[in-house]
Amino acid sequence: MLENSSISTTLFQSPCWDSTHALTTMMDVLDGKDVPPVSYMPLAVVTKNNLDEFTPNGCLPDGYSEPATN
C-alpha cells in the first residue's frame, strides 16, 4: 500500500524487535542492573521513501535500536 501510495505512512513494529528489547531488559535485571519501571519501545515511521529499510523478515532496522548484547 505504501508502494502504490494508497497510504502515506505506517509504523514499524516487529516481534523480533520487541523480544530483543524484552530479553535485553531481562538480562539487565538478572545482572543486577537498575532498569526503569516502564520502557517504551520506539515506533519507527515508515514511508514510501524509507520502505526499503524495513523488511518483513528483518529484525532490527539500521539506526533504530541497538542490537541485544549477551
PDB file of N, CA and C in Angstrom:
ATOM      1  N   MET A   1       0.816  -1.190   0.000  1.00  0.00           N
ATOM      2  CA  MET A   1       0.000   0.000   0.000  1.00  0.00           C
ATOM      3  C   MET A   1       0.866   1.262   0.000  1.00  0.00           C
ATOM      4  N   LEU A   2       2.031   1.186   0.677  1.00  0.00           N
ATOM      5  CA  LEU A   2       2.945   2.333   0.619  1.00  0.00           C
ATOM      6  C   LEU A   2       3.505   2.500  -0.789  1.00  0.00           C
ATOM      7  N   GLU A   3       3.848   1.380  -1.401  1.00  0.00           N
ATOM      8  CA  GLU A   3       4.446   1.437  -2.734  1.00  0.00           C
ATOM      9  C   GLU A   3       3.516   2.072  -3.764  1.00  0.00           C
ATOM     10  N   ASN A   4       2.211   1.781  -3.682  1.00  0.00           N
ATOM     11  CA  ASN A   4       1.296   2.345  -4.675  1.00  0.00           C
ATOM     12  C   ASN A   4       0.594   3.606  -4.166  1.00  0.00           C
ATOM     13  N   SER A   5       1.067   4.148  -3.056  1.00  0.00           N
ATOM     14  CA  SER A   5       0.567   5.409  -2.470  1.00  0.00           C
ATOM     15  C   SER A   5      -0.884   5.339  -1.995  1.00  0.00           C
ATOM     16  N   SER A   6      -1.362   4.127  -1.667  1.00  0.00           N
ATOM     17  CA  SER A   6      -2.694   4.003  -1.075  1.00  0.00           C
ATOM     18  C   SER A   6      -2.705   4.574   0.344  1.00  0.00           C
ATOM     19  N   ILE A   7      -1.556   4.477   1.010  1.00  0.00           N
ATOM     20  CA  ILE A   7      -1.365   5.106   2.313  1.00  0.00           C
ATOM     21  C   ILE A   7      -0.040   5.856   2.268  1.00  0.00           C
ATOM     22  N   SER A   8       0.113   6.833   3.145  1.00  0.00           N
ATOM     23  CA  SER A   8       1.351   7.635   3.115  1.00  0.00           C
ATOM     24  C   SER A   8       2.341   7.222   4.194  1.00  0.00           C
ATOM     25  N   THR A   9       1.852   6.710   5.321  1.00  0.00           N
ATOM     26  CA  THR A   9       2.744   6.319   6.411  1.00  0.00           C
ATOM     27  C   THR A   9       2.147   5.146   7.174  1.00  0.00           C
ATOM     28  N   THR A  10       3.023   4.436   7.875  1.00  0.00           N
ATOM     29  CA  THR A  10       2.621   3.402   8.810  1.00  0.00           C
ATOM     30  C   THR A  10       3.707   3.342   9.884  1.00  0.00           C
ATOM     31  N   LEU A  11       3.525   2.499  10.853  1.00  0.00           N
ATOM     32  CA  LEU A  11       4.519   2.343  11.908  1.00  0.00           C
ATOM     33  C   LEU A  11       5.125   0.957  11.846  1.00  0.00           C
ATOM     34  N   PHE A  12       6.410   0.858  12.135  1.00  0.00           N
ATOM     35  CA  PHE A  12       7.108  -0.423  12.158  1.00  0.00           C
ATOM     36  C   PHE A  12       7.053  -0.993  13.565  1.00  0.00           C
ATOM     37  N   GLN A  13       6.525  -2.190  13.677  1.00  0.00           N
ATOM     38  CA  GLN A  13       6.565  -2.920  14.942  1.00  0.00           C
ATOM     39  C   GLN A  13       6.896  -4.355  14.602  1.00  0.00           C
ATOM     40  N   SER A  14       7.932  -4.885  15.237  1.00  0.00           N
ATOM     41  CA  SER A  14       8.410  -6.222  14.928  1.00  0.00           C
ATOM     42  C   SER A  14       8.438  -7.071  16.186  1.00  0.00           C
ATOM     43  N   PRO A  15       7.900  -8.284  16.130  1.00  0.00           N
ATOM     44  CA  PRO A  15       8.021  -9.187  17.280  1.00  0.00           C
ATOM     45  C   PRO A  15       9.484  -9.447  17.636  1.00  0.00           C
ATOM     46  N   CYS A  16      10.342  -9.473  16.626  1.00  0.00           N
ATOM     47  CA  CYS A  16      11.769  -9.675  16.883  1.00  0.00           C
ATOM     48  C   CYS A  16      12.345  -8.497  17.654  1.00  0.00           C
ATOM     49  N   TRP A  17      12.002  -7.301  17.240  1.00  0.00           N
ATOM     50  CA  TRP A  17      12.460  -6.085  17.906  1.00  0.00           C
ATOM     51  C   TRP A  17      11.959  -6.067  19.345  1.00  0.00           C
ATOM     52  N   ASP A  18      10.665  -6.368  19.534  1.00  0.00           N
ATOM     53  CA  ASP A  18      10.074  -6.381  20.870  1.00  0.00           C
ATOM     54  C   ASP A  18      10.744  -7.416  21.771  1.00  0.00           C
ATOM     55  N   SER A  19      10.945  -8.616  21.239  1.00  0.00           N
ATOM     56  CA  SER A  19      11.539  -9.671  22.067  1.00  0.00           C
ATOM     57  C   SER A  19      13.008  -9.392  22.368  1.00  0.00           C
ATOM     58  N   THR A  20      13.726  -8.795  21.429  1.00  0.00           N
ATOM     59  CA  THR A  20      15.121  -8.425  21.687  1.00  0.00           C
ATOM     60  C   THR A  20      15.190  -7.424  22.833  1.00  0.00           C
ATOM     61  N   HIS A  21      14.301  -6.448  22.827  1.00  0.00           N
ATOM     62  CA  HIS A  21      14.254  -5.456  23.902  1.00  0.00           C
ATOM     63  C   HIS A  21      13.903  -6.119  25.240  1.00  0.00           C
ATOM     64  N   ALA A  22      12.918  -7.017  25.216  1.00  0.00           N
ATOM     65  CA  ALA A  22      12.497  -7.704  26.447  1.00  0.00           C
ATOM     66  C   ALA A  22      13.632  -8.572  27.000  1.00  0.00           C
ATOM     67  N   LEU A  23      14.304  -9.301  26.135  1.00  0.00           N
ATOM     68  CA  LEU A  23      15.394 -10.160  26.598  1.00  0.00           C
ATOM     69  C   LEU A  23      16.586  -9.350  27.104  1.00  0.00           C
ATOM     70  N   THR A  24      16.889  -8.247  26.454  1.00  0.00           N
ATOM     71  CA  THR A  24      17.970  -7.380  26.924  1.00  0.00           C
ATOM     72  C   THR A  24      17.642  -6.831  28.309  1.00  0.00           C
ATOM     73  N   THR A  25      16.397  -6.418  28.497  1.00  0.00           N
ATOM     74  CA  THR A  25      15.968  -5.911  29.809  1.00  0.00           C
ATOM     75  C   THR A  25      16.051  -7.018  30.856  1.00  0.00           C
ATOM     76  N   MET A  26      15.611  -8.219  30.496  1.00  0.00           N
ATOM     77  CA  MET A  26      15.675  -9.349  31.425  1.00  0.00           C
ATOM     78  C   MET A  26      17.122  -9.639  31.833  1.00  0.00           C
ATOM     79  N   MET A  27      18.030  -9.600  30.870  1.00  0.00           N
ATOM     80  CA  MET A  27      19.442  -9.848  31.178  1.00  0.00           C
ATOM     81  C   MET A  27      19.992  -8.769  32.107  1.00  0.00           C
ATOM     82  N   ASP A  28      19.577  -7.534  31.918  1.00  0.00           N
ATOM     83  CA  ASP A  28      19.997  -6.446  32.803  1.00  0.00           C
ATOM     84  C   ASP A  28      19.495  -6.693  34.222  1.00  0.00           C
ATOM     85  N   VAL A  29      18.249  -7.129  34.367  1.00  0.00           N
ATOM     86  CA  VAL A  29      17.691  -7.440  35.689  1.00  0.00           C
ATOM     87  C   VAL A  29      18.480  -8.568  36.332  1.00  0.00           C
ATOM     88  N   LEU A  30      18.737  -9.627  35.577  1.00  0.00           N
ATOM     89  CA  LEU A  30      19.485 -10.767  36.116  1.00  0.00           C
ATOM     90  C   LEU A  30      20.920 -10.400  36.484  1.00  0.00           C
ATOM     91  N   ASP A  31      21.477  -9.407  35.787  1.00  0.00           N
ATOM     92  CA  ASP A  31      22.833  -8.936  36.097  1.00  0.00           C
ATOM     93  C   ASP A  31      22.839  -7.930  37.237  1.00  0.00           C
ATOM     94  N   GLY A  32      21.668  -7.644  37.819  1.00  0.00           N
ATOM     95  CA  GLY A  32      21.588  -6.728  38.952  1.00  0.00           C
ATOM     96  C   GLY A  32      21.588  -5.265  38.586  1.00  0.00           C
ATOM     97  N   LYS A  33      21.398  -4.961  37.309  1.00  0.00           N
ATOM     98  CA  LYS A  33      21.377  -3.556  36.879  1.00  0.00           C
ATOM     99  C   LYS A  33      20.011  -2.956  37.165  1.00  0.00           C
ATOM    100  N   ASP A  34      19.995  -1.651  37.389  1.00  0.00           N
ATOM    101  CA  ASP A  34      18.732  -0.943  37.544  1.00  0.00           C
ATOM    102  C   ASP A  34      18.085  -0.783  36.174  1.00  0.00           C
ATOM    103  N   VAL A  35      16.807  -1.041  36.128  1.00  0.00           N
ATOM    104  CA  VAL A  35      16.054  -0.838  34.887  1.00  0.00           C
ATOM    105  C   VAL A  35      14.857   0.046  35.207  1.00  0.00           C
ATOM    106  N   PRO A  36      14.413   0.841  34.258  1.00  0.00           N
ATOM    107  CA  PRO A  36      13.260   1.706  34.520  1.00  0.00           C
ATOM    108  C   PRO A  36      11.995   0.862  34.712  1.00  0.00           C
ATOM    109  N   PRO A  37      11.054   1.346  35.506  1.00  0.00           N
ATOM    110  CA  PRO A  37       9.824   0.571  35.734  1.00  0.00           C
ATOM    111  C   PRO A  37       8.965   0.447  34.477  1.00  0.00           C
ATOM    112  N   VAL A  38       9.109   1.399  33.559  1.00  0.00           N
ATOM    113  CA  VAL A  38       8.377   1.370  32.297  1.00  0.00           C
ATOM    114  C   VAL A  38       9.368   1.665  31.184  1.00  0.00           C
ATOM    115  N   SER A  39       9.269   0.911  30.121  1.00  0.00           N
ATOM    116  CA  SER A  39      10.162   1.119  28.987  1.00  0.00           C
ATOM    117  C   SER A  39       9.325   1.166  27.714  1.00  0.00           C
ATOM    118  N   TYR A  40       9.332   2.301  27.045  1.00  0.00           N
ATOM    119  CA  TYR A  40       8.567   2.455  25.821  1.00  0.00           C
ATOM    120  C   TYR A  40       9.422   2.097  24.621  1.00  0.00           C
ATOM    121  N   MET A  41       8.856   1.324  23.730  1.00  0.00           N
ATOM    122  CA  MET A  41       9.552   0.963  22.505  1.00  0.00           C
ATOM    123  C   MET A  41       9.321   2.064  21.470  1.00  0.00           C
ATOM    124  N   PRO A  42      10.389   2.501  20.824  1.00  0.00           N
ATOM    125  CA  PRO A  42      10.180   3.489  19.761  1.00  0.00           C
ATOM    126  C   PRO A  42       9.469   2.833  18.574  1.00  0.00           C
ATOM    127  N   LEU A  43       8.574   3.548  17.959  1.00  0.00           N
ATOM    128  CA  LEU A  43       7.898   3.062  16.762  1.00  0.00           C
ATOM    129  C   LEU A  43       8.398   3.883  15.584  1.00  0.00           C
ATOM    130  N   ALA A  44       9.099   3.231  14.697  1.00  0.00           N
ATOM    131  CA  ALA A  44       9.662   3.925  13.540  1.00  0.00           C
ATOM    132  C   ALA A  44       8.566   4.214  12.524  1.00  0.00           C
ATOM    133  N   VAL A  45       8.580   5.420  11.991  1.00  0.00           N
ATOM    134  CA  VAL A  45       7.631   5.808  10.954  1.00  0.00           C
ATOM    135  C   VAL A  45       8.167   5.313   9.609  1.00  0.00           C
ATOM    136  N   VAL A  46       7.321   4.596   8.886  1.00  0.00           N
ATOM    137  CA  VAL A  46       7.700   4.049   7.582  1.00  0.00           C
ATOM    138  C   VAL A  46       6.911   4.783   6.502  1.00  0.00           C
ATOM    139  N   THR A  47       7.637   5.254   5.496  1.00  0.00           N
ATOM    140  CA  THR A  47       7.026   5.929   4.353  1.00  0.00           C
ATOM    141  C   THR A  47       7.516   5.265   3.072  1.00  0.00           C
ATOM    142  N   LYS A  48       7.006   5.704   1.960  1.00  0.00           N
ATOM    143  CA  LYS A  48       7.460   5.178   0.668  1.00  0.00           C
ATOM    144  C   LYS A  48       8.956   5.430   0.485  1.00  0.00           C
ATOM    145  N   ASN A  49       9.467   6.538   1.060  1.00  0.00           N
ATOM    146  CA  ASN A  49      10.876   6.900   0.893  1.00  0.00           C
ATOM    147  C   ASN A  49      11.834   6.030   1.686  1.00  0.00           C
ATOM    148  N   ASN A  50      11.385   5.432   2.805  1.00  0.00           N
ATOM    149  CA  ASN A  50      12.301   4.603   3.596  1.00  0.00           C
ATOM    150  C   ASN A  50      11.839   3.151   3.703  1.00  0.00           C
ATOM    151  N   LEU A  51      10.890   2.769   2.866  1.00  0.00           N
ATOM    152  CA  LEU A  51      10.327   1.420   2.905  1.00  0.00           C
ATOM    153  C   LEU A  51      11.385   0.339   2.748  1.00  0.00           C
ATOM    154  N   ASP A  52      12.398   0.588   1.938  1.00  0.00           N
ATOM    155  CA  ASP A  52      13.429  -0.433   1.716  1.00  0.00           C
ATOM    156  C   ASP A  52      14.268  -0.721   2.962  1.00  0.00           C
ATOM    157  N   GLU A  53      14.194   0.115   4.001  1.00  0.00           N
ATOM    158  CA  GLU A  53      14.914  -0.138   5.256  1.00  0.00           C
ATOM    159  C   GLU A  53      14.205  -1.188   6.119  1.00  0.00           C
ATOM    160  N   PHE A  54      12.952  -1.476   5.801  1.00  0.00           N
ATOM    161  CA  PHE A  54      12.143  -2.361   6.627  1.00  0.00           C
ATOM    162  C   PHE A  54      11.713  -3.564   5.801  1.00  0.00           C
ATOM    163  N   THR A  55      12.162  -4.737   6.225  1.00  0.00           N
ATOM    164  CA  THR A  55      11.817  -5.951   5.506  1.00  0.00           C
ATOM    165  C   THR A  55      10.911  -6.812   6.369  1.00  0.00           C
ATOM    166  N   PRO A  56       9.973  -7.543   5.757  1.00  0.00           N
ATOM    167  CA  PRO A  56       9.045  -8.363   6.541  1.00  0.00           C
ATOM    168  C   PRO A  56       9.730  -9.359   7.469  1.00  0.00           C
ATOM    169  N   ASN A  57      10.856  -9.907   7.062  1.00  0.00           N
ATOM    170  CA  ASN A  57      11.544 -10.897   7.883  1.00  0.00           C
ATOM    171  C   ASN A  57      12.748 -10.325   8.612  1.00  0.00           C
ATOM    172  N   GLY A  58      12.943  -9.015   8.512  1.00  0.00           N
ATOM    173  CA  GLY A  58      14.073  -8.388   9.179  1.00  0.00           C
ATOM    174  C   GLY A  58      13.805  -8.218  10.661  1.00  0.00           C
ATOM    175  N   CYS A  59      14.883  -8.099  11.415  1.00  0.00           N
ATOM    176  CA  CYS A  59      14.711  -7.939  12.860  1.00  0.00           C
ATOM    177  C   CYS A  59      14.802  -6.473  13.236  1.00  0.00           C
ATOM    178  N   LEU A  60      15.952  -5.899  13.182  1.00  0.00           N
ATOM    179  CA  LEU A  60      16.132  -4.514  13.605  1.00  0.00           C
ATOM    180  C   LEU A  60      16.564  -3.655  12.422  1.00  0.00           C
ATOM    181  N   PRO A  61      15.793  -2.640  12.092  1.00  0.00           N
ATOM    182  CA  PRO A  61      16.230  -1.752  11.017  1.00  0.00           C
ATOM    183  C   PRO A  61      17.444  -0.954  11.456  1.00  0.00           C
ATOM    184  N   ASP A  62      18.355  -0.703  10.547  1.00  0.00           N
ATOM    185  CA  ASP A  62      19.569   0.045  10.859  1.00  0.00           C
ATOM    186  C   ASP A  62      19.221   1.408  11.425  1.00  0.00           C
ATOM    187  N   GLY A  63      19.891   1.769  12.520  1.00  0.00           N
ATOM    188  CA  GLY A  63      19.739   3.087  13.084  1.00  0.00           C
ATOM    189  C   GLY A  63      18.564   3.277  14.020  1.00  0.00           C
ATOM    190  N   TYR A  64      17.761   2.253  14.273  1.00  0.00           N
ATOM    191  CA  TYR A  64      16.592   2.428  15.114  1.00  0.00           C
ATOM    192  C   TYR A  64      16.739   1.817  16.495  1.00  0.00           C
ATOM    193  N   SER A  65      17.680   0.934  16.693  1.00  0.00           N
ATOM    194  CA  SER A  65      17.867   0.338  18.014  1.00  0.00           C
ATOM    195  C   SER A  65      19.218  -0.340  18.053  1.00  0.00           C
ATOM    196  N   GLU A  66      19.737  -0.498  19.239  1.00  0.00           N
ATOM    197  CA  GLU A  66      20.985  -1.227  19.396  1.00  0.00           C
ATOM    198  C   GLU A  66      20.688  -2.722  19.436  1.00  0.00           C
ATOM    199  N   PRO A  67      21.511  -3.542  18.821  1.00  0.00           N
ATOM    200  CA  PRO A  67      21.295  -4.984  18.904  1.00  0.00           C
ATOM    201  C   PRO A  67      21.490  -5.467  20.351  1.00  0.00           C
ATOM    202  N   ALA A  68      20.850  -6.558  20.653  1.00  0.00           N
ATOM    203  CA  ALA A  68      20.973  -7.138  22.000  1.00  0.00           C
ATOM    204  C   ALA A  68      22.400  -7.613  22.218  1.00  0.00           C
ATOM    205  N   THR A  69      22.862  -7.474  23.445  1.00  0.00           N
ATOM    206  CA  THR A  69      24.183  -7.993  23.817  1.00  0.00           C
ATOM    207  C   THR A  69      23.998  -9.019  24.932  1.00  0.00           C
ATOM    208  N   ASN A  70      24.807 -10.011  24.916  1.00  0.00           N
ATOM    209  CA  ASN A  70      24.717 -11.055  25.942  1.00  0.00           C
ATOM    210  C   ASN A  70      25.821 -10.896  26.942  1.00  0.00           C
TER     211      ASN A  70
END
